PDB file of N, CA and C in Angstrom:
ATOM      1  N   MET A   1      49.846   8.491   2.349  1.00  0.00           N
ATOM      2  CA  MET A   1      50.117   7.265   3.050  1.00  0.00           C
ATOM      3  C   MET A   1      48.857   6.277   2.840  1.00  0.00           C
ATOM      4  N   PHE A   2      47.601   6.725   2.799  1.00  0.00           N
ATOM      5  CA  PHE A   2      46.426   5.930   2.537  1.00  0.00           C
ATOM      6  C   PHE A   2      45.914   6.141   1.190  1.00  0.00           C
ATOM      7  N   GLU A   3      46.514   6.664   0.389  1.00  0.00           N
ATOM      8  CA  GLU A   3      46.186   7.094  -0.876  1.00  0.00           C
ATOM      9  C   GLU A   3      46.238   5.840  -1.773  1.00  0.00           C
ATOM     10  N   SER A   4      45.331   5.706  -2.696  1.00  0.00           N
ATOM     11  CA  SER A   4      45.319   4.531  -3.589  1.00  0.00           C
ATOM     12  C   SER A   4      44.907   5.001  -4.886  1.00  0.00           C
ATOM     13  N   PRO A   5      45.450   4.889  -5.892  1.00  0.00           N
ATOM     14  CA  PRO A   5      45.057   5.395  -7.138  1.00  0.00           C
ATOM     15  C   PRO A   5      43.919   4.444  -7.666  1.00  0.00           C
ATOM     16  N   ALA A   6      42.876   5.081  -8.220  1.00  0.00           N
ATOM     17  CA  ALA A   6      41.743   4.398  -8.737  1.00  0.00           C
ATOM     18  C   ALA A   6      41.635   4.584 -10.326  1.00  0.00           C
ATOM     19  N   PHE A   7      41.766   3.568 -11.101  1.00  0.00           N
ATOM     20  CA  PHE A   7      41.738   3.908 -12.467  1.00  0.00           C
ATOM     21  C   PHE A   7      40.499   3.249 -13.113  1.00  0.00           C
ATOM     22  N   ALA A   8      39.837   3.873 -13.888  1.00  0.00           N
ATOM     23  CA  ALA A   8      38.828   3.362 -14.703  1.00  0.00           C
ATOM     24  C   ALA A   8      39.165   2.494 -15.683  1.00  0.00           C
ATOM     25  N   GLN A   9      38.647   1.268 -15.922  1.00  0.00           N
ATOM     26  CA  GLN A   9      38.952   0.427 -16.911  1.00  0.00           C
ATOM     27  C   GLN A   9      38.272   0.766 -18.171  1.00  0.00           C
ATOM     28  N   ALA A  10      38.948   1.148 -19.230  1.00  0.00           N
ATOM     29  CA  ALA A  10      38.191   1.442 -20.524  1.00  0.00           C
ATOM     30  C   ALA A  10      37.610   0.398 -21.266  1.00  0.00           C
ATOM     31  N   GLY A  11      38.070  -0.806 -21.016  1.00  0.00           N
ATOM     32  CA  GLY A  11      37.548  -2.042 -21.739  1.00  0.00           C
ATOM     33  C   GLY A  11      36.933  -2.948 -20.982  1.00  0.00           C
ATOM     34  N   SER A  12      36.256  -2.491 -19.968  1.00  0.00           N
ATOM     35  CA  SER A  12      35.555  -3.398 -19.091  1.00  0.00           C
ATOM     36  C   SER A  12      34.132  -3.924 -19.667  1.00  0.00           C
ATOM     37  N   ALA A  13      33.656  -4.921 -19.084  1.00  0.00           N
ATOM     38  CA  ALA A  13      32.357  -5.393 -19.747  1.00  0.00           C
ATOM     39  C   ALA A  13      31.054  -4.717 -19.106  1.00  0.00           C
ATOM     40  N   ALA A  14      31.206  -3.457 -18.883  1.00  0.00           N
ATOM     41  CA  ALA A  14      30.128  -2.808 -18.349  1.00  0.00           C
ATOM     42  C   ALA A  14      29.211  -2.416 -19.359  1.00  0.00           C
ATOM     43  N   PRO A  15      27.895  -2.363 -19.162  1.00  0.00           N
ATOM     44  CA  PRO A  15      27.037  -1.979 -20.319  1.00  0.00           C
ATOM     45  C   PRO A  15      27.126  -0.412 -20.750  1.00  0.00           C
ATOM     46  N   ASP A  16      26.715  -0.315 -21.994  1.00  0.00           N
ATOM     47  CA  ASP A  16      26.826   1.227 -22.338  1.00  0.00           C
ATOM     48  C   ASP A  16      25.616   1.988 -21.640  1.00  0.00           C
ATOM     49  N   GLY A  17      25.550   3.268 -21.914  1.00  0.00           N
ATOM     50  CA  GLY A  17      24.749   4.239 -21.113  1.00  0.00           C
ATOM     51  C   GLY A  17      23.165   3.842 -21.210  1.00  0.00           C
ATOM     52  N   GLY A  18      22.695   3.551 -22.441  1.00  0.00           N
ATOM     53  CA  GLY A  18      21.207   3.149 -22.414  1.00  0.00           C
ATOM     54  C   GLY A  18      20.956   1.882 -21.804  1.00  0.00           C
ATOM     55  N   ALA A  19      21.710   0.956 -21.960  1.00  0.00           N
ATOM     56  CA  ALA A  19      21.434  -0.459 -21.366  1.00  0.00           C
ATOM     57  C   ALA A  19      21.521  -0.409 -19.844  1.00  0.00           C
ATOM     58  N   GLY A  20      22.593   0.432 -19.377  1.00  0.00           N
ATOM     59  CA  GLY A  20      22.857   0.441 -17.937  1.00  0.00           C
ATOM     60  C   GLY A  20      21.688   1.153 -17.240  1.00  0.00           C
ATOM     61  N   PHE A  21      21.166   2.300 -17.788  1.00  0.00           N
ATOM     62  CA  PHE A  21      20.045   2.900 -17.365  1.00  0.00           C
ATOM     63  C   PHE A  21      18.818   2.007 -17.126  1.00  0.00           C
ATOM     64  N   PHE A  22      18.594   1.179 -18.259  1.00  0.00           N
ATOM     65  CA  PHE A  22      17.361   0.271 -18.251  1.00  0.00           C
ATOM     66  C   PHE A  22      17.675  -0.872 -17.108  1.00  0.00           C
ATOM     67  N   LEU A  23      18.856  -1.299 -17.048  1.00  0.00           N
ATOM     68  CA  LEU A  23      19.068  -2.384 -15.951  1.00  0.00           C
ATOM     69  C   LEU A  23      18.941  -1.753 -14.633  1.00  0.00           C
ATOM     70  N   ASN A  24      19.281  -0.359 -14.456  1.00  0.00           N
ATOM     71  CA  ASN A  24      19.015   0.266 -13.159  1.00  0.00           C
ATOM     72  C   ASN A  24      17.558   0.462 -12.866  1.00  0.00           C
ATOM     73  N   ILE A  25      16.781   0.797 -13.835  1.00  0.00           N
ATOM     74  CA  ILE A  25      15.213   1.272 -13.559  1.00  0.00           C
ATOM     75  C   ILE A  25      14.506   0.029 -13.799  1.00  0.00           C
ATOM     76  N   PHE A  26      14.868  -0.990 -14.215  1.00  0.00           N
ATOM     77  CA  PHE A  26      14.019  -2.194 -14.388  1.00  0.00           C
ATOM     78  C   PHE A  26      13.408  -2.660 -13.017  1.00  0.00           C
ATOM     79  N   PRO A  27      14.324  -2.934 -12.046  1.00  0.00           N
ATOM     80  CA  PRO A  27      13.593  -3.411 -10.649  1.00  0.00           C
ATOM     81  C   PRO A  27      12.531  -2.441 -10.124  1.00  0.00           C
ATOM     82  N   LEU A  28      12.777  -1.166 -10.341  1.00  0.00           N
ATOM     83  CA  LEU A  28      11.673  -0.337  -9.971  1.00  0.00           C
ATOM     84  C   LEU A  28      10.471  -0.332 -10.611  1.00  0.00           C
ATOM     85  N   LEU A  29      10.596  -0.510 -12.128  1.00  0.00           N
ATOM     86  CA  LEU A  29       9.331  -0.852 -12.831  1.00  0.00           C
ATOM     87  C   LEU A  29       8.707  -2.148 -12.541  1.00  0.00           C
ATOM     88  N   LEU A  30       9.538  -3.016 -12.206  1.00  0.00           N
ATOM     89  CA  LEU A  30       8.842  -4.405 -11.761  1.00  0.00           C
ATOM     90  C   LEU A  30       8.149  -4.249 -10.452  1.00  0.00           C
ATOM     91  N   ILE A  31       8.825  -3.552  -9.557  1.00  0.00           N
ATOM     92  CA  ILE A  31       8.100  -3.292  -8.177  1.00  0.00           C
ATOM     93  C   ILE A  31       6.825  -2.631  -8.477  1.00  0.00           C
ATOM     94  N   PHE A  32       6.810  -1.564  -9.349  1.00  0.00           N
ATOM     95  CA  PHE A  32       5.617  -0.768  -9.534  1.00  0.00           C
ATOM     96  C   PHE A  32       4.448  -1.603 -10.187  1.00  0.00           C
ATOM     97  N   VAL A  33       4.801  -2.409 -11.125  1.00  0.00           N
ATOM     98  CA  VAL A  33       3.852  -3.438 -11.757  1.00  0.00           C
ATOM     99  C   VAL A  33       3.314  -4.269 -10.824  1.00  0.00           C
ATOM    100  N   ILE A  34       4.052  -4.838  -9.856  1.00  0.00           N
ATOM    101  CA  ILE A  34       3.657  -5.793  -8.853  1.00  0.00           C
ATOM    102  C   ILE A  34       2.664  -5.029  -7.829  1.00  0.00           C
ATOM    103  N   PHE A  35       3.072  -3.872  -7.376  1.00  0.00           N
ATOM    104  CA  PHE A  35       2.213  -3.155  -6.570  1.00  0.00           C
ATOM    105  C   PHE A  35       0.840  -2.738  -7.259  1.00  0.00           C
ATOM    106  N   TYR A  36       0.844  -2.453  -8.445  1.00  0.00           N
ATOM    107  CA  TYR A  36      -0.275  -2.008  -9.239  1.00  0.00           C
ATOM    108  C   TYR A  36      -1.221  -3.315  -9.235  1.00  0.00           C
ATOM    109  N   PHE A  37      -0.819  -4.404  -9.534  1.00  0.00           N
ATOM    110  CA  PHE A  37      -1.584  -5.604  -9.639  1.00  0.00           C
ATOM    111  C   PHE A  37      -1.984  -6.068  -8.375  1.00  0.00           C
ATOM    112  N   LEU A  38      -1.327  -6.101  -7.271  1.00  0.00           N
ATOM    113  CA  LEU A  38      -1.697  -6.669  -6.096  1.00  0.00           C
ATOM    114  C   LEU A  38      -2.225  -5.702  -5.038  1.00  0.00           C
ATOM    115  N   LEU A  39      -2.103  -4.355  -5.175  1.00  0.00           N
ATOM    116  CA  LEU A  39      -2.692  -3.372  -4.272  1.00  0.00           C
ATOM    117  C   LEU A  39      -3.585  -2.313  -4.945  1.00  0.00           C
ATOM    118  N   ILE A  40      -3.132  -1.674  -5.886  1.00  0.00           N
ATOM    119  CA  ILE A  40      -3.913  -0.505  -6.549  1.00  0.00           C
ATOM    120  C   ILE A  40      -5.097  -0.933  -7.323  1.00  0.00           C
ATOM    121  N   ARG A  41      -4.918  -1.877  -8.182  1.00  0.00           N
ATOM    122  CA  ARG A  41      -6.009  -2.463  -8.856  1.00  0.00           C
ATOM    123  C   ARG A  41      -7.308  -2.920  -8.037  1.00  0.00           C
ATOM    124  N   PRO A  42      -6.988  -3.837  -7.075  1.00  0.00           N
ATOM    125  CA  PRO A  42      -8.084  -4.416  -6.300  1.00  0.00           C
ATOM    126  C   PRO A  42      -8.684  -3.424  -5.452  1.00  0.00           C
ATOM    127  N   GLN A  43      -7.892  -2.365  -5.076  1.00  0.00           N
ATOM    128  CA  GLN A  43      -8.660  -1.232  -4.282  1.00  0.00           C
ATOM    129  C   GLN A  43      -9.494  -0.408  -5.116  1.00  0.00           C
ATOM    130  N   GLN A  44      -9.178  -0.197  -6.371  1.00  0.00           N
ATOM    131  CA  GLN A  44      -9.987   0.506  -7.245  1.00  0.00           C
ATOM    132  C   GLN A  44     -11.261  -0.294  -7.555  1.00  0.00           C
ATOM    133  N   ARG A  45     -11.169  -1.456  -7.663  1.00  0.00           N
ATOM    134  CA  ARG A  45     -12.312  -2.331  -8.023  1.00  0.00           C
ATOM    135  C   ARG A  45     -13.361  -2.429  -6.744  1.00  0.00           C
ATOM    136  N   ARG A  46     -12.754  -2.481  -5.548  1.00  0.00           N
ATOM    137  CA  ARG A  46     -13.561  -2.402  -4.393  1.00  0.00           C
ATOM    138  C   ARG A  46     -14.275  -1.016  -4.119  1.00  0.00           C
ATOM    139  N   MET A  47     -13.563   0.003  -4.563  1.00  0.00           N
ATOM    140  CA  MET A  47     -14.109   1.282  -4.415  1.00  0.00           C
ATOM    141  C   MET A  47     -15.142   1.521  -5.458  1.00  0.00           C
ATOM    142  N   LYS A  48     -15.099   0.898  -6.665  1.00  0.00           N
ATOM    143  CA  LYS A  48     -16.226   1.054  -7.658  1.00  0.00           C
ATOM    144  C   LYS A  48     -17.380   0.310  -7.105  1.00  0.00           C
ATOM    145  N   GLN A  49     -17.141  -0.915  -6.624  1.00  0.00           N
ATOM    146  CA  GLN A  49     -18.120  -1.724  -6.070  1.00  0.00           C
ATOM    147  C   GLN A  49     -19.024  -0.915  -4.884  1.00  0.00           C
ATOM    148  N   HIS A  50     -18.277  -0.241  -4.164  1.00  0.00           N
ATOM    149  CA  HIS A  50     -18.826   0.355  -3.008  1.00  0.00           C
ATOM    150  C   HIS A  50     -19.690   1.548  -3.393  1.00  0.00           C
ATOM    151  N   GLN A  51     -19.166   2.293  -4.483  1.00  0.00           N
ATOM    152  CA  GLN A  51     -19.815   3.358  -5.148  1.00  0.00           C
ATOM    153  C   GLN A  51     -21.191   2.921  -5.742  1.00  0.00           C
ATOM    154  N   ALA A  52     -21.171   1.677  -6.491  1.00  0.00           N
ATOM    155  CA  ALA A  52     -22.445   1.149  -7.049  1.00  0.00           C
ATOM    156  C   ALA A  52     -23.351   0.800  -5.941  1.00  0.00           C
ATOM    157  N   MET A  53     -22.939   0.169  -4.746  1.00  0.00           N
ATOM    158  CA  MET A  53     -23.768  -0.357  -3.805  1.00  0.00           C
ATOM    159  C   MET A  53     -24.293   0.883  -3.125  1.00  0.00           C
ATOM    160  N   ILE A  54     -23.760   2.087  -2.870  1.00  0.00           N
ATOM    161  CA  ILE A  54     -24.219   3.159  -2.222  1.00  0.00           C
ATOM    162  C   ILE A  54     -25.207   3.971  -3.312  1.00  0.00           C
ATOM    163  N   GLY A  55     -24.957   3.871  -4.455  1.00  0.00           N
ATOM    164  CA  GLY A  55     -25.794   4.528  -5.455  1.00  0.00           C
ATOM    165  C   GLY A  55     -27.205   3.734  -5.773  1.00  0.00           C
ATOM    166  N   ALA A  56     -27.198   2.306  -5.250  1.00  0.00           N
ATOM    167  CA  ALA A  56     -28.275   1.435  -5.458  1.00  0.00           C
ATOM    168  C   ALA A  56     -29.108   1.443  -4.093  1.00  0.00           C
ATOM    169  N   VAL A  57     -28.916   2.168  -3.217  1.00  0.00           N
ATOM    170  CA  VAL A  57     -29.615   2.110  -1.920  1.00  0.00           C
ATOM    171  C   VAL A  57     -31.028   2.620  -2.085  1.00  0.00           C
ATOM    172  N   LYS A  58     -32.034   1.714  -1.595  1.00  0.00           N
ATOM    173  CA  LYS A  58     -33.482   2.105  -1.666  1.00  0.00           C
ATOM    174  C   LYS A  58     -34.202   2.178  -0.421  1.00  0.00           C
ATOM    175  N   VAL A  59     -35.363   2.644  -0.415  1.00  0.00           N
ATOM    176  CA  VAL A  59     -36.234   2.658   0.968  1.00  0.00           C
ATOM    177  C   VAL A  59     -36.436   1.081   1.099  1.00  0.00           C
ATOM    178  N   ARG A  60     -36.456   0.875   2.363  1.00  0.00           N
ATOM    179  CA  ARG A  60     -36.716  -0.378   3.033  1.00  0.00           C
ATOM    180  C   ARG A  60     -35.582  -1.412   3.007  1.00  0.00           C
ATOM    181  N   ASP A  61     -34.278  -0.860   2.396  1.00  0.00           N
ATOM    182  CA  ASP A  61     -33.040  -1.686   2.460  1.00  0.00           C
ATOM    183  C   ASP A  61     -32.556  -1.551   3.984  1.00  0.00           C
ATOM    184  N   THR A  62     -31.926  -2.723   4.263  1.00  0.00           N
ATOM    185  CA  THR A  62     -31.216  -2.703   5.574  1.00  0.00           C
ATOM    186  C   THR A  62     -29.788  -2.325   5.334  1.00  0.00           C
ATOM    187  N   VAL A  63     -29.378  -1.359   6.178  1.00  0.00           N
ATOM    188  CA  VAL A  63     -27.943  -0.985   5.903  1.00  0.00           C
ATOM    189  C   VAL A  63     -27.161  -1.016   7.227  1.00  0.00           C
ATOM    190  N   VAL A  64     -25.819  -1.123   7.095  1.00  0.00           N
ATOM    191  CA  VAL A  64     -24.882  -1.123   8.243  1.00  0.00           C
ATOM    192  C   VAL A  64     -24.039   0.081   8.030  1.00  0.00           C
ATOM    193  N   THR A  65     -23.985   0.917   9.076  1.00  0.00           N
ATOM    194  CA  THR A  65     -23.002   2.198   8.940  1.00  0.00           C
ATOM    195  C   THR A  65     -21.595   1.759   9.395  1.00  0.00           C
ATOM    196  N   SER A  66     -20.813   2.736   9.081  1.00  0.00           N
ATOM    197  CA  SER A  66     -19.286   2.327   9.446  1.00  0.00           C
ATOM    198  C   SER A  66     -19.082   2.366  10.848  1.00  0.00           C
ATOM    199  N   GLY A  67     -20.029   2.841  11.548  1.00  0.00           N
ATOM    200  CA  GLY A  67     -19.983   2.832  13.137  1.00  0.00           C
ATOM    201  C   GLY A  67     -20.557   1.469  13.667  1.00  0.00           C
ATOM    202  N   GLY A  68     -21.257   0.729  12.803  1.00  0.00           N
ATOM    203  CA  GLY A  68     -21.710  -0.699  13.219  1.00  0.00           C
ATOM    204  C   GLY A  68     -23.254  -0.583  13.585  1.00  0.00           C
ATOM    205  N   LEU A  69     -23.776   0.464  13.309  1.00  0.00           N
ATOM    206  CA  LEU A  69     -25.387   0.527  13.580  1.00  0.00           C
ATOM    207  C   LEU A  69     -26.110   0.049  12.376  1.00  0.00           C
ATOM    208  N   ILE A  70     -27.042  -0.762  12.603  1.00  0.00           N
ATOM    209  CA  ILE A  70     -27.869  -1.499  11.703  1.00  0.00           C
ATOM    210  C   ILE A  70     -29.211  -0.922  11.724  1.00  0.00           C
ATOM    211  N   GLY A  71     -29.826  -0.543  10.443  1.00  0.00           N
ATOM    212  CA  GLY A  71     -31.224  -0.024  10.497  1.00  0.00           C
ATOM    213  C   GLY A  71     -31.831  -0.093   9.089  1.00  0.00           C
ATOM    214  N   LYS A  72     -33.023   0.312   8.988  1.00  0.00           N
ATOM    215  CA  LYS A  72     -33.786   0.250   7.763  1.00  0.00           C
ATOM    216  C   LYS A  72     -33.843   1.623   7.154  1.00  0.00           C
ATOM    217  N   VAL A  73     -33.655   1.788   5.971  1.00  0.00           N
ATOM    218  CA  VAL A  73     -33.705   3.074   5.278  1.00  0.00           C
ATOM    219  C   VAL A  73     -35.176   3.494   4.926  1.00  0.00           C
ATOM    220  N   THR A  74     -35.437   4.681   5.550  1.00  0.00           N
ATOM    221  CA  THR A  74     -36.842   5.253   5.306  1.00  0.00           C
ATOM    222  C   THR A  74     -36.974   6.297   4.433  1.00  0.00           C
ATOM    223  N   LYS A  75     -35.778   6.871   3.952  1.00  0.00           N
ATOM    224  CA  LYS A  75     -35.718   7.977   3.009  1.00  0.00           C
ATOM    225  C   LYS A  75     -34.368   8.177   2.323  1.00  0.00           C
ATOM    226  N   VAL A  76     -34.295   8.425   1.140  1.00  0.00           N
ATOM    227  CA  VAL A  76     -33.152   8.387   0.441  1.00  0.00           C
ATOM    228  C   VAL A  76     -33.098   9.902  -0.255  1.00  0.00           C
ATOM    229  N   ASP A  77     -31.935  10.494  -0.073  1.00  0.00           N
ATOM    230  CA  ASP A  77     -31.668  11.862  -0.477  1.00  0.00           C
ATOM    231  C   ASP A  77     -30.453  11.747  -1.498  1.00  0.00           C
ATOM    232  N   GLU A  78     -30.049  12.873  -2.108  1.00  0.00           N
ATOM    233  CA  GLU A  78     -28.864  12.778  -3.027  1.00  0.00           C
ATOM    234  C   GLU A  78     -27.487  12.312  -2.259  1.00  0.00           C
ATOM    235  N   ALA A  79     -27.371  12.912  -1.104  1.00  0.00           N
ATOM    236  CA  ALA A  79     -26.154  12.561  -0.483  1.00  0.00           C
ATOM    237  C   ALA A  79     -26.307  11.864   1.000  1.00  0.00           C
ATOM    238  N   GLU A  80     -27.568  11.858   1.486  1.00  0.00           N
ATOM    239  CA  GLU A  80     -27.882  11.282   2.754  1.00  0.00           C
ATOM    240  C   GLU A  80     -28.950  10.214   2.709  1.00  0.00           C
ATOM    241  N   VAL A  81     -28.987   9.504   3.580  1.00  0.00           N
ATOM    242  CA  VAL A  81     -30.194   8.635   3.840  1.00  0.00           C
ATOM    243  C   VAL A  81     -30.700   8.715   5.277  1.00  0.00           C
ATOM    244  N   GLU A  82     -32.079   8.441   5.536  1.00  0.00           N
ATOM    245  CA  GLU A  82     -32.504   8.280   6.799  1.00  0.00           C
ATOM    246  C   GLU A  82     -32.738   7.007   7.090  1.00  0.00           C
ATOM    247  N   VAL A  83     -32.174   6.728   8.418  1.00  0.00           N
ATOM    248  CA  VAL A  83     -32.225   5.268   8.793  1.00  0.00           C
ATOM    249  C   VAL A  83     -32.999   5.161  10.103  1.00  0.00           C
ATOM    250  N   GLU A  84     -33.702   4.200  10.115  1.00  0.00           N
ATOM    251  CA  GLU A  84     -34.635   3.999  11.365  1.00  0.00           C
ATOM    252  C   GLU A  84     -33.795   2.786  12.047  1.00  0.00           C
ATOM    253  N   LEU A  85     -33.354   3.168  13.352  1.00  0.00           N
ATOM    254  CA  LEU A  85     -32.651   2.282  14.127  1.00  0.00           C
ATOM    255  C   LEU A  85     -33.569   1.543  14.883  1.00  0.00           C
ATOM    256  N   ALA A  86     -34.546   2.110  15.600  1.00  0.00           N
ATOM    257  CA  ALA A  86     -35.407   1.567  16.343  1.00  0.00           C
ATOM    258  C   ALA A  86     -36.890   2.102  16.115  1.00  0.00           C
ATOM    259  N   PRO A  87     -38.020   1.674  16.544  1.00  0.00           N
ATOM    260  CA  PRO A  87     -39.179   2.187  16.395  1.00  0.00           C
ATOM    261  C   PRO A  87     -39.069   3.766  16.877  1.00  0.00           C
ATOM    262  N   ASN A  88     -39.395   4.711  16.003  1.00  0.00           N
ATOM    263  CA  ASN A  88     -39.550   6.036  16.116  1.00  0.00           C
ATOM    264  C   ASN A  88     -38.142   6.545  16.557  1.00  0.00           C
ATOM    265  N   VAL A  89     -36.996   5.963  16.030  1.00  0.00           N
ATOM    266  CA  VAL A  89     -35.744   6.583  16.305  1.00  0.00           C
ATOM    267  C   VAL A  89     -35.012   6.625  14.906  1.00  0.00           C
ATOM    268  N   ARG A  90     -35.045   7.661  14.282  1.00  0.00           N
ATOM    269  CA  ARG A  90     -34.580   7.953  12.950  1.00  0.00           C
ATOM    270  C   ARG A  90     -33.279   8.890  13.043  1.00  0.00           C
ATOM    271  N   VAL A  91     -32.337   8.559  12.161  1.00  0.00           N
ATOM    272  CA  VAL A  91     -31.057   9.424  12.086  1.00  0.00           C
ATOM    273  C   VAL A  91     -30.727   9.570  10.604  1.00  0.00           C
ATOM    274  N   ARG A  92     -30.087  10.670  10.320  1.00  0.00           N
ATOM    275  CA  ARG A  92     -29.635  10.917   8.877  1.00  0.00           C
ATOM    276  C   ARG A  92     -28.214  10.430   8.917  1.00  0.00           C
ATOM    277  N   VAL A  93     -27.878   9.761   7.764  1.00  0.00           N
ATOM    278  CA  VAL A  93     -26.424   9.240   7.647  1.00  0.00           C
ATOM    279  C   VAL A  93     -26.012   9.584   6.236  1.00  0.00           C
ATOM    280  N   VAL A  94     -24.761  10.047   6.284  1.00  0.00           N
ATOM    281  CA  VAL A  94     -24.113  10.235   4.871  1.00  0.00           C
ATOM    282  C   VAL A  94     -23.910   9.200   4.092  1.00  0.00           C
ATOM    283  N   LYS A  95     -24.242   9.083   2.872  1.00  0.00           N
ATOM    284  CA  LYS A  95     -24.164   7.870   2.115  1.00  0.00           C
ATOM    285  C   LYS A  95     -22.823   7.286   2.106  1.00  0.00           C
ATOM    286  N   GLY A  96     -21.751   8.066   2.152  1.00  0.00           N
ATOM    287  CA  GLY A  96     -20.413   7.584   2.202  1.00  0.00           C
ATOM    288  C   GLY A  96     -19.994   6.752   3.600  1.00  0.00           C
ATOM    289  N   MET A  97     -20.858   6.929   4.490  1.00  0.00           N
ATOM    290  CA  MET A  97     -20.549   6.197   5.738  1.00  0.00           C
ATOM    291  C   MET A  97     -21.387   4.884   5.790  1.00  0.00           C
ATOM    292  N   LEU A  98     -21.940   4.394   4.902  1.00  0.00           N
ATOM    293  CA  LEU A  98     -22.563   3.035   4.688  1.00  0.00           C
ATOM    294  C   LEU A  98     -21.589   2.066   4.389  1.00  0.00           C
ATOM    295  N   SER A  99     -21.282   1.017   5.103  1.00  0.00           N
ATOM    296  CA  SER A  99     -20.463   0.021   4.715  1.00  0.00           C
ATOM    297  C   SER A  99     -21.058  -1.232   4.145  1.00  0.00           C
ATOM    298  N   GLU A 100     -22.263  -1.436   4.310  1.00  0.00           N
ATOM    299  CA  GLU A 100     -23.063  -2.604   3.863  1.00  0.00           C
ATOM    300  C   GLU A 100     -24.338  -2.301   3.488  1.00  0.00           C
ATOM    301  N   VAL A 101     -24.968  -2.662   2.333  1.00  0.00           N
ATOM    302  CA  VAL A 101     -26.548  -2.516   2.007  1.00  0.00           C
ATOM    303  C   VAL A 101     -26.964  -3.917   1.807  1.00  0.00           C
ATOM    304  N   ARG A 102     -27.897  -4.249   2.641  1.00  0.00           N
ATOM    305  CA  ARG A 102     -28.612  -5.541   2.363  1.00  0.00           C
ATOM    306  C   ARG A 102     -29.964  -5.235   1.813  1.00  0.00           C
ATOM    307  N   PRO A 103     -30.220  -5.628   0.420  1.00  0.00           N
ATOM    308  CA  PRO A 103     -31.600  -5.465  -0.159  1.00  0.00           C
ATOM    309  C   PRO A 103     -32.551  -5.969   0.526  1.00  0.00           C
ATOM    310  N   HIS A 104     -33.787  -5.215   0.459  1.00  0.00           N
ATOM    311  CA  HIS A 104     -34.927  -5.742   1.083  1.00  0.00           C
ATOM    312  C   HIS A 104     -35.461  -6.999   0.630  1.00  0.00           C
ATOM    313  N   GLY A 105     -35.871  -7.945   1.316  1.00  0.00           N
ATOM    314  CA  GLY A 105     -36.346  -9.358   0.856  1.00  0.00           C
ATOM    315  C   GLY A 105     -35.260 -10.367   0.802  1.00  0.00           C
ATOM    316  N   ALA A 106     -33.968  -9.906   0.931  1.00  0.00           N
ATOM    317  CA  ALA A 106     -32.797 -10.901   0.819  1.00  0.00           C
ATOM    318  C   ALA A 106     -32.800 -11.634   2.233  1.00  0.00           C
ATOM    319  N   LYS A 107     -32.851 -12.759   2.301  1.00  0.00           N
ATOM    320  CA  LYS A 107     -32.811 -13.501   3.628  1.00  0.00           C
ATOM    321  C   LYS A 107     -31.244 -14.074   3.641  1.00  0.00           C
ATOM    322  N   PRO A 108     -30.818 -14.015   4.865  1.00  0.00           N
ATOM    323  CA  PRO A 108     -29.533 -14.595   5.133  1.00  0.00           C
ATOM    324  C   PRO A 108     -29.507 -16.081   4.978  1.00  0.00           C
ATOM    325  N   ALA A 109     -28.483 -16.738   4.632  1.00  0.00           N
ATOM    326  CA  ALA A 109     -28.410 -18.166   4.329  1.00  0.00           C
ATOM    327  C   ALA A 109     -28.236 -18.905   5.781  1.00  0.00           C
ATOM    328  N   ASN A 110     -28.789 -20.004   5.880  1.00  0.00           N
ATOM    329  CA  ASN A 110     -28.858 -20.649   7.147  1.00  0.00           C
ATOM    330  C   ASN A 110     -27.549 -21.634   7.151  1.00  0.00           C
ATOM    331  N   ASP A 111     -26.634 -21.524   7.960  1.00  0.00           N
ATOM    332  CA  ASP A 111     -25.381 -22.358   8.108  1.00  0.00           C
ATOM    333  C   ASP A 111     -25.639 -23.611   8.858  1.00  0.00           C
TER     334      ASP A 111
END
């Protein structure tokens, strides 16, 4: 009663197998390229800048940790730095937890 025959049209204007596959995959490739240039590439660039900043930390630099603590670097090791938060208050911080390094002698701009 509800059966309806479905016949494939042999002479339709449908693209052949290779072109049909390309037309189906093209939007996905386009989305990937857009994500790469808008999200992935800038994130990789920021990560490289952060690694260079952490690698260049020196004694007497002012640092900001990811927890928001601000202090002066008193000792630099391979994976850690010793930060003086207040007179006679020193803590060891893993270099990866530094969010900002302000070089010694750099003065903030007056607005």
